[in-house]
Amino acid sequence: MNSIAAYNLVPDEDALIPRFREAGDITLDLFHRDGRVADRWLGLHPREFGLLWRLSEQPGVPMSRRQLLADVWRITIEPETNSVAVHVARVRAKLQAFDLQAILVTHPDGGYLLDVPSDPDAFRFSRSDPG
């Protein structure tokens, strides 16, 4: 394989998915598929992580139950279960240990959103603060 062909195997930086995503005081880590606040891991299950990761793509924008089922659960039919609500409740319970459960909001018109400040100075924890 020549060097030009090898160079074309590596995607542009814009096409790469970021490993980390900040959602308020939570740092989501795609490699570990978990989130942490300061230096403590949340212990998220795969769908819980997927739910937070998807909502953190567009913080403040409500996502319908149907959108979350399609994007996180990868199903296009709407099952007769409350699986999304159950996973939201589990994530809130894990965030409650850090008093962050209020960032995962149920929208009045249905669906869910992450209500995180857009200003990094508003975060309670900083990278330089050991916790």
N, C-alpha and C. Protein backbone atom coordinates (compact mmCIF):
# COMPACT_ATOMS: atom_id res chain seq x y z
N MET A 1 0.86 -1.17 0.00
CA MET A 1 0.00 0.00 0.00
C MET A 1 0.91 1.23 0.00
N ASN A 2 0.60 2.16 -0.88
CA ASN A 2 1.42 3.36 -0.92
C ASN A 2 0.96 4.36 0.14
N SER A 3 1.76 5.39 0.37
CA SER A 3 1.48 6.33 1.45
C SER A 3 0.21 7.15 1.20
N ILE A 4 -0.13 7.41 -0.06
CA ILE A 4 -1.36 8.15 -0.35
C ILE A 4 -2.58 7.32 0.01
N ALA A 5 -2.56 6.04 -0.31
CA ALA A 5 -3.68 5.16 0.04
C ALA A 5 -3.81 5.04 1.56
N ALA A 6 -2.68 4.93 2.25
CA ALA A 6 -2.72 4.83 3.72
C ALA A 6 -3.26 6.12 4.33
N TYR A 7 -2.88 7.26 3.76
CA TYR A 7 -3.37 8.54 4.27
C TYR A 7 -4.89 8.64 4.14
N ASN A 8 -5.44 8.10 3.08
CA ASN A 8 -6.88 8.16 2.85
C ASN A 8 -7.68 7.26 3.79
N LEU A 9 -7.01 6.33 4.49
CA LEU A 9 -7.68 5.47 5.45
C LEU A 9 -8.05 6.21 6.73
N VAL A 10 -7.35 7.29 7.02
CA VAL A 10 -7.60 8.06 8.25
C VAL A 10 -8.61 9.16 7.91
N PRO A 11 -9.75 9.17 8.58
CA PRO A 11 -10.75 10.20 8.28
C PRO A 11 -10.31 11.58 8.74
N ASP A 12 -10.91 12.59 8.16
CA ASP A 12 -10.66 13.96 8.58
C ASP A 12 -11.06 14.11 10.03
N GLU A 13 -10.42 15.05 10.72
CA GLU A 13 -10.73 15.28 12.13
C GLU A 13 -12.19 15.66 12.34
N ASP A 14 -12.79 16.37 11.37
CA ASP A 14 -14.20 16.78 11.48
C ASP A 14 -15.14 15.59 11.44
N ALA A 15 -14.71 14.47 10.86
CA ALA A 15 -15.56 13.29 10.73
C ALA A 15 -15.48 12.38 11.96
N LEU A 16 -14.52 12.63 12.84
CA LEU A 16 -14.36 11.79 14.02
C LEU A 16 -15.38 12.14 15.10
N ILE A 17 -15.80 11.15 15.83
CA ILE A 17 -16.70 11.36 16.97
C ILE A 17 -15.82 11.71 18.16
N PRO A 18 -16.19 12.73 18.93
CA PRO A 18 -15.36 13.09 20.08
C PRO A 18 -15.42 12.01 21.16
N ARG A 19 -14.33 11.82 21.87
CA ARG A 19 -14.32 10.84 22.96
C ARG A 19 -15.06 11.39 24.17
N PHE A 20 -14.90 12.68 24.43
CA PHE A 20 -15.51 13.29 25.61
C PHE A 20 -16.57 14.29 25.18
N ARG A 21 -17.58 14.41 26.01
CA ARG A 21 -18.60 15.43 25.80
C ARG A 21 -18.97 15.97 27.17
N GLU A 22 -18.96 17.29 27.29
CA GLU A 22 -19.31 17.95 28.54
C GLU A 22 -20.80 18.23 28.56
N ALA A 23 -21.45 17.89 29.65
CA ALA A 23 -22.86 18.19 29.86
C ALA A 23 -23.00 18.77 31.25
N GLY A 24 -22.78 20.06 31.35
CA GLY A 24 -22.77 20.70 32.66
C GLY A 24 -21.59 20.18 33.45
N ASP A 25 -21.84 19.68 34.64
CA ASP A 25 -20.78 19.15 35.50
C ASP A 25 -20.41 17.71 35.17
N ILE A 26 -21.09 17.13 34.20
CA ILE A 26 -20.86 15.74 33.83
C ILE A 26 -19.95 15.69 32.61
N THR A 27 -18.95 14.82 32.67
CA THR A 27 -18.12 14.54 31.52
C THR A 27 -18.47 13.13 31.04
N LEU A 28 -18.99 13.04 29.83
CA LEU A 28 -19.31 11.75 29.25
C LEU A 28 -18.09 11.24 28.49
N ASP A 29 -17.76 9.98 28.69
CA ASP A 29 -16.58 9.37 28.08
C ASP A 29 -17.05 8.24 27.17
N LEU A 30 -16.92 8.43 25.87
CA LEU A 30 -17.39 7.44 24.90
C LEU A 30 -16.60 6.15 24.99
N PHE A 31 -15.31 6.24 25.27
CA PHE A 31 -14.48 5.04 25.38
C PHE A 31 -14.95 4.15 26.53
N HIS A 32 -15.18 4.74 27.69
CA HIS A 32 -15.63 3.98 28.87
C HIS A 32 -17.14 3.78 28.88
N ARG A 33 -17.85 4.52 28.02
CA ARG A 33 -19.31 4.49 27.96
C ARG A 33 -19.90 4.72 29.36
N ASP A 34 -19.39 5.77 29.98
CA ASP A 34 -19.85 6.14 31.31
C ASP A 34 -19.65 7.65 31.45
N GLY A 35 -20.18 8.18 32.51
CA GLY A 35 -20.02 9.59 32.80
C GLY A 35 -19.38 9.74 34.17
N ARG A 36 -18.78 10.90 34.37
CA ARG A 36 -18.22 11.16 35.69
C ARG A 36 -18.45 12.61 36.06
N VAL A 37 -18.51 12.82 37.36
CA VAL A 37 -18.59 14.16 37.93
C VAL A 37 -17.35 14.29 38.79
N ALA A 38 -16.55 15.29 38.48
CA ALA A 38 -15.22 15.44 39.09
C ALA A 38 -14.47 14.14 38.83
N ASP A 39 -14.11 13.40 39.86
CA ASP A 39 -13.34 12.15 39.65
C ASP A 39 -14.16 10.90 39.97
N ARG A 40 -15.48 11.03 40.08
CA ARG A 40 -16.34 9.88 40.43
C ARG A 40 -17.18 9.45 39.24
N TRP A 41 -17.10 8.18 38.90
CA TRP A 41 -17.88 7.61 37.81
C TRP A 41 -19.33 7.44 38.22
N LEU A 42 -20.24 7.58 37.27
CA LEU A 42 -21.66 7.43 37.54
C LEU A 42 -22.10 5.96 37.54
N GLY A 43 -21.42 5.11 36.81
CA GLY A 43 -21.81 3.70 36.72
C GLY A 43 -23.02 3.52 35.83
N LEU A 44 -23.01 4.17 34.66
CA LEU A 44 -24.15 4.11 33.74
C LEU A 44 -24.18 2.78 32.99
N HIS A 45 -25.37 2.26 32.80
CA HIS A 45 -25.58 1.10 31.94
C HIS A 45 -25.60 1.59 30.49
N PRO A 46 -25.43 0.71 29.51
CA PRO A 46 -25.32 1.14 28.11
C PRO A 46 -26.44 2.06 27.62
N ARG A 47 -27.69 1.74 27.89
CA ARG A 47 -28.78 2.59 27.41
C ARG A 47 -28.83 3.91 28.17
N GLU A 48 -28.48 3.88 29.44
CA GLU A 48 -28.43 5.12 30.22
C GLU A 48 -27.37 6.06 29.64
N PHE A 49 -26.21 5.48 29.32
CA PHE A 49 -25.16 6.28 28.70
C PHE A 49 -25.63 6.81 27.35
N GLY A 50 -26.23 5.95 26.54
CA GLY A 50 -26.71 6.36 25.22
C GLY A 50 -27.73 7.48 25.31
N LEU A 51 -28.59 7.42 26.30
CA LEU A 51 -29.59 8.45 26.51
C LEU A 51 -28.93 9.79 26.83
N LEU A 52 -27.99 9.80 27.76
CA LEU A 52 -27.29 11.04 28.10
C LEU A 52 -26.45 11.55 26.93
N TRP A 53 -25.78 10.64 26.24
CA TRP A 53 -24.94 11.04 25.10
C TRP A 53 -25.81 11.71 24.04
N ARG A 54 -26.95 11.11 23.72
CA ARG A 54 -27.83 11.66 22.69
C ARG A 54 -28.39 13.01 23.11
N LEU A 55 -28.85 13.13 24.35
CA LEU A 55 -29.39 14.41 24.82
C LEU A 55 -28.31 15.48 24.88
N SER A 56 -27.07 15.09 25.14
CA SER A 56 -25.99 16.07 25.24
C SER A 56 -25.54 16.58 23.86
N GLU A 57 -25.97 15.91 22.80
CA GLU A 57 -25.64 16.42 21.45
C GLU A 57 -26.29 17.77 21.20
N GLN A 58 -27.48 17.95 21.77
CA GLN A 58 -28.22 19.20 21.61
C GLN A 58 -28.83 19.61 22.95
N PRO A 59 -27.99 20.08 23.88
CA PRO A 59 -28.53 20.46 25.19
C PRO A 59 -29.57 21.57 25.05
N GLY A 60 -30.62 21.46 25.84
CA GLY A 60 -31.68 22.46 25.82
C GLY A 60 -32.75 22.21 24.77
N VAL A 61 -32.50 21.26 23.87
CA VAL A 61 -33.45 20.94 22.81
C VAL A 61 -34.21 19.68 23.22
N PRO A 62 -35.54 19.76 23.32
CA PRO A 62 -36.29 18.57 23.73
C PRO A 62 -36.26 17.49 22.65
N MET A 63 -36.11 16.25 23.09
CA MET A 63 -36.14 15.09 22.20
C MET A 63 -37.36 14.27 22.58
N SER A 64 -38.15 13.94 21.59
CA SER A 64 -39.36 13.16 21.86
C SER A 64 -38.99 11.72 22.22
N ARG A 65 -39.93 11.06 22.83
CA ARG A 65 -39.77 9.65 23.17
C ARG A 65 -39.47 8.84 21.91
N ARG A 66 -40.17 9.16 20.83
CA ARG A 66 -39.98 8.46 19.56
C ARG A 66 -38.56 8.67 19.03
N GLN A 67 -38.05 9.90 19.13
CA GLN A 67 -36.68 10.19 18.67
C GLN A 67 -35.66 9.40 19.49
N LEU A 68 -35.87 9.36 20.80
CA LEU A 68 -34.94 8.64 21.65
C LEU A 68 -34.99 7.14 21.39
N LEU A 69 -36.18 6.62 21.17
CA LEU A 69 -36.29 5.19 20.84
C LEU A 69 -35.55 4.88 19.55
N ALA A 70 -35.66 5.75 18.57
CA ALA A 70 -34.99 5.53 17.29
C ALA A 70 -33.47 5.68 17.42
N ASP A 71 -33.02 6.70 18.13
CA ASP A 71 -31.59 7.00 18.19
C ASP A 71 -30.82 6.17 19.21
N VAL A 72 -31.43 5.86 20.35
CA VAL A 72 -30.73 5.15 21.42
C VAL A 72 -31.07 3.66 21.40
N TRP A 73 -32.35 3.34 21.27
CA TRP A 73 -32.79 1.95 21.28
C TRP A 73 -32.70 1.32 19.89
N ARG A 74 -32.60 2.15 18.86
CA ARG A 74 -32.52 1.72 17.46
C ARG A 74 -33.77 0.94 17.01
N ILE A 75 -34.93 1.40 17.49
CA ILE A 75 -36.18 0.80 17.04
C ILE A 75 -37.09 1.90 16.50
N THR A 76 -37.84 1.58 15.47
CA THR A 76 -38.69 2.58 14.83
C THR A 76 -40.16 2.45 15.24
N ILE A 77 -40.51 1.33 15.85
CA ILE A 77 -41.89 1.20 16.33
C ILE A 77 -41.94 1.70 17.76
N GLU A 78 -43.10 2.15 18.19
CA GLU A 78 -43.23 2.60 19.58
C GLU A 78 -43.83 1.47 20.40
N PRO A 79 -43.02 0.85 21.24
CA PRO A 79 -43.53 -0.26 22.05
C PRO A 79 -44.49 0.24 23.12
N GLU A 80 -45.26 -0.64 23.62
CA GLU A 80 -46.24 -0.32 24.67
C GLU A 80 -45.59 -0.37 26.05
N THR A 81 -44.36 0.09 26.14
CA THR A 81 -43.66 0.08 27.42
C THR A 81 -43.23 1.49 27.79
N ASN A 82 -42.83 1.64 29.01
CA ASN A 82 -42.33 2.94 29.48
C ASN A 82 -40.81 2.88 29.65
N SER A 83 -40.14 2.18 28.77
CA SER A 83 -38.70 1.97 28.87
C SER A 83 -37.91 3.28 28.93
N VAL A 84 -38.30 4.27 28.14
CA VAL A 84 -37.57 5.54 28.15
C VAL A 84 -37.72 6.20 29.52
N ALA A 85 -38.94 6.24 30.03
CA ALA A 85 -39.18 6.86 31.33
C ALA A 85 -38.42 6.13 32.44
N VAL A 86 -38.35 4.82 32.37
CA VAL A 86 -37.62 4.04 33.37
C VAL A 86 -36.13 4.37 33.33
N HIS A 87 -35.57 4.45 32.12
CA HIS A 87 -34.14 4.78 32.01
C HIS A 87 -33.85 6.21 32.46
N VAL A 88 -34.75 7.13 32.16
CA VAL A 88 -34.59 8.51 32.63
C VAL A 88 -34.59 8.53 34.16
N ALA A 89 -35.50 7.79 34.77
CA ALA A 89 -35.56 7.74 36.23
C ALA A 89 -34.27 7.16 36.82
N ARG A 90 -33.71 6.14 36.17
CA ARG A 90 -32.46 5.53 36.65
C ARG A 90 -31.29 6.52 36.55
N VAL A 91 -31.24 7.26 35.44
CA VAL A 91 -30.17 8.25 35.28
C VAL A 91 -30.32 9.34 36.33
N ARG A 92 -31.56 9.80 36.54
CA ARG A 92 -31.78 10.83 37.57
C ARG A 92 -31.34 10.34 38.94
N ALA A 93 -31.62 9.09 39.24
CA ALA A 93 -31.23 8.53 40.54
C ALA A 93 -29.71 8.53 40.70
N LYS A 94 -28.99 8.23 39.62
CA LYS A 94 -27.52 8.24 39.69
C LYS A 94 -26.98 9.66 39.79
N LEU A 95 -27.67 10.60 39.15
CA LEU A 95 -27.24 12.00 39.22
C LEU A 95 -27.58 12.63 40.57
N GLN A 96 -28.55 12.06 41.27
CA GLN A 96 -28.98 12.62 42.56
C GLN A 96 -27.85 12.59 43.58
N ALA A 97 -26.94 11.63 43.47
CA ALA A 97 -25.81 11.57 44.40
C ALA A 97 -24.94 12.82 44.31
N PHE A 98 -25.03 13.54 43.18
CA PHE A 98 -24.26 14.76 42.97
C PHE A 98 -25.15 16.00 42.96
N ASP A 99 -26.42 15.80 43.31
CA ASP A 99 -27.42 16.87 43.28
C ASP A 99 -27.56 17.46 41.88
N LEU A 100 -27.48 16.60 40.87
CA LEU A 100 -27.58 17.03 39.47
C LEU A 100 -28.81 16.46 38.75
N GLN A 101 -29.71 15.83 39.49
CA GLN A 101 -30.86 15.18 38.85
C GLN A 101 -31.74 16.16 38.08
N ALA A 102 -31.70 17.43 38.44
CA ALA A 102 -32.57 18.43 37.79
C ALA A 102 -32.13 18.79 36.38
N ILE A 103 -30.92 18.37 35.96
CA ILE A 103 -30.50 18.72 34.60
C ILE A 103 -31.20 17.88 33.55
N LEU A 104 -31.74 16.73 33.94
CA LEU A 104 -32.48 15.87 33.02
C LEU A 104 -33.96 16.19 33.19
N VAL A 105 -34.49 16.99 32.27
CA VAL A 105 -35.81 17.60 32.40
C VAL A 105 -36.83 16.89 31.52
N THR A 106 -38.01 16.68 32.08
CA THR A 106 -39.15 16.21 31.28
C THR A 106 -39.81 17.45 30.70
N HIS A 107 -39.89 17.51 29.38
CA HIS A 107 -40.46 18.68 28.71
C HIS A 107 -41.99 18.66 28.85
N PRO A 108 -42.64 19.81 29.07
CA PRO A 108 -44.09 19.85 29.24
C PRO A 108 -44.86 19.29 28.04
N ASP A 109 -44.30 19.42 26.85
CA ASP A 109 -44.96 18.91 25.65
C ASP A 109 -44.60 17.47 25.35
N GLY A 110 -43.87 16.84 26.23
CA GLY A 110 -43.43 15.46 26.04
C GLY A 110 -41.96 15.43 25.67
N GLY A 111 -41.33 14.34 25.95
CA GLY A 111 -39.92 14.20 25.65
C GLY A 111 -39.05 14.68 26.79
N TYR A 112 -37.75 14.71 26.52
CA TYR A 112 -36.77 15.03 27.55
C TYR A 112 -35.69 15.94 26.97
N LEU A 113 -35.00 16.65 27.86
CA LEU A 113 -33.89 17.49 27.44
C LEU A 113 -32.89 17.62 28.57
N LEU A 114 -31.67 17.99 28.21
CA LEU A 114 -30.65 18.30 29.21
C LEU A 114 -30.63 19.79 29.39
N ASP A 115 -30.85 20.23 30.61
CA ASP A 115 -30.83 21.65 30.94
C ASP A 115 -29.50 21.95 31.63
N VAL A 116 -28.50 22.24 30.81
CA VAL A 116 -27.17 22.54 31.34
C VAL A 116 -26.79 23.95 30.94
N PRO A 117 -26.03 24.63 31.79
CA PRO A 117 -25.61 25.99 31.45
C PRO A 117 -24.66 25.98 30.26
N SER A 118 -24.78 26.98 29.42
CA SER A 118 -23.89 27.06 28.27
C SER A 118 -22.57 27.73 28.62
N ASP A 119 -22.51 28.37 29.78
CA ASP A 119 -21.31 29.06 30.23
C ASP A 119 -20.48 28.12 31.10
N PRO A 120 -19.27 27.74 30.66
CA PRO A 120 -18.45 26.83 31.47
C PRO A 120 -18.16 27.36 32.86
N ASP A 121 -18.16 28.68 33.07
CA ASP A 121 -17.90 29.23 34.40
C ASP A 121 -19.03 28.93 35.38
N ALA A 122 -20.19 28.53 34.85
CA ALA A 122 -21.32 28.24 35.72
C ALA A 122 -21.25 26.83 36.31
N PHE A 123 -20.30 26.01 35.85
CA PHE A 123 -20.18 24.65 36.36
C PHE A 123 -19.66 24.68 37.79
N ARG A 124 -20.16 23.77 38.58
CA ARG A 124 -19.76 23.70 39.98
C ARG A 124 -18.32 23.20 40.10
N PHE A 125 -17.96 22.23 39.29
CA PHE A 125 -16.62 21.65 39.35
C PHE A 125 -15.81 22.13 38.17
N SER A 126 -14.53 22.26 38.37
CA SER A 126 -13.64 22.58 37.25
C SER A 126 -12.58 21.51 37.18
N ARG A 127 -11.90 21.44 36.05
CA ARG A 127 -10.86 20.41 35.88
C ARG A 127 -9.72 20.59 36.89
N SER A 128 -9.46 21.83 37.29
CA SER A 128 -8.35 22.06 38.22
C SER A 128 -8.75 21.78 39.67
N ASP A 129 -10.06 21.72 39.93
CA ASP A 129 -10.55 21.45 41.29
C ASP A 129 -10.60 19.95 41.50
N PRO A 130 -9.83 19.39 42.44
CA PRO A 130 -9.82 17.94 42.64
C PRO A 130 -11.14 17.41 43.19
N GLY A 131 -12.05 18.24 43.57
CA GLY A 131 -13.34 17.72 43.95
C GLY A 131 -13.77 18.04 45.31
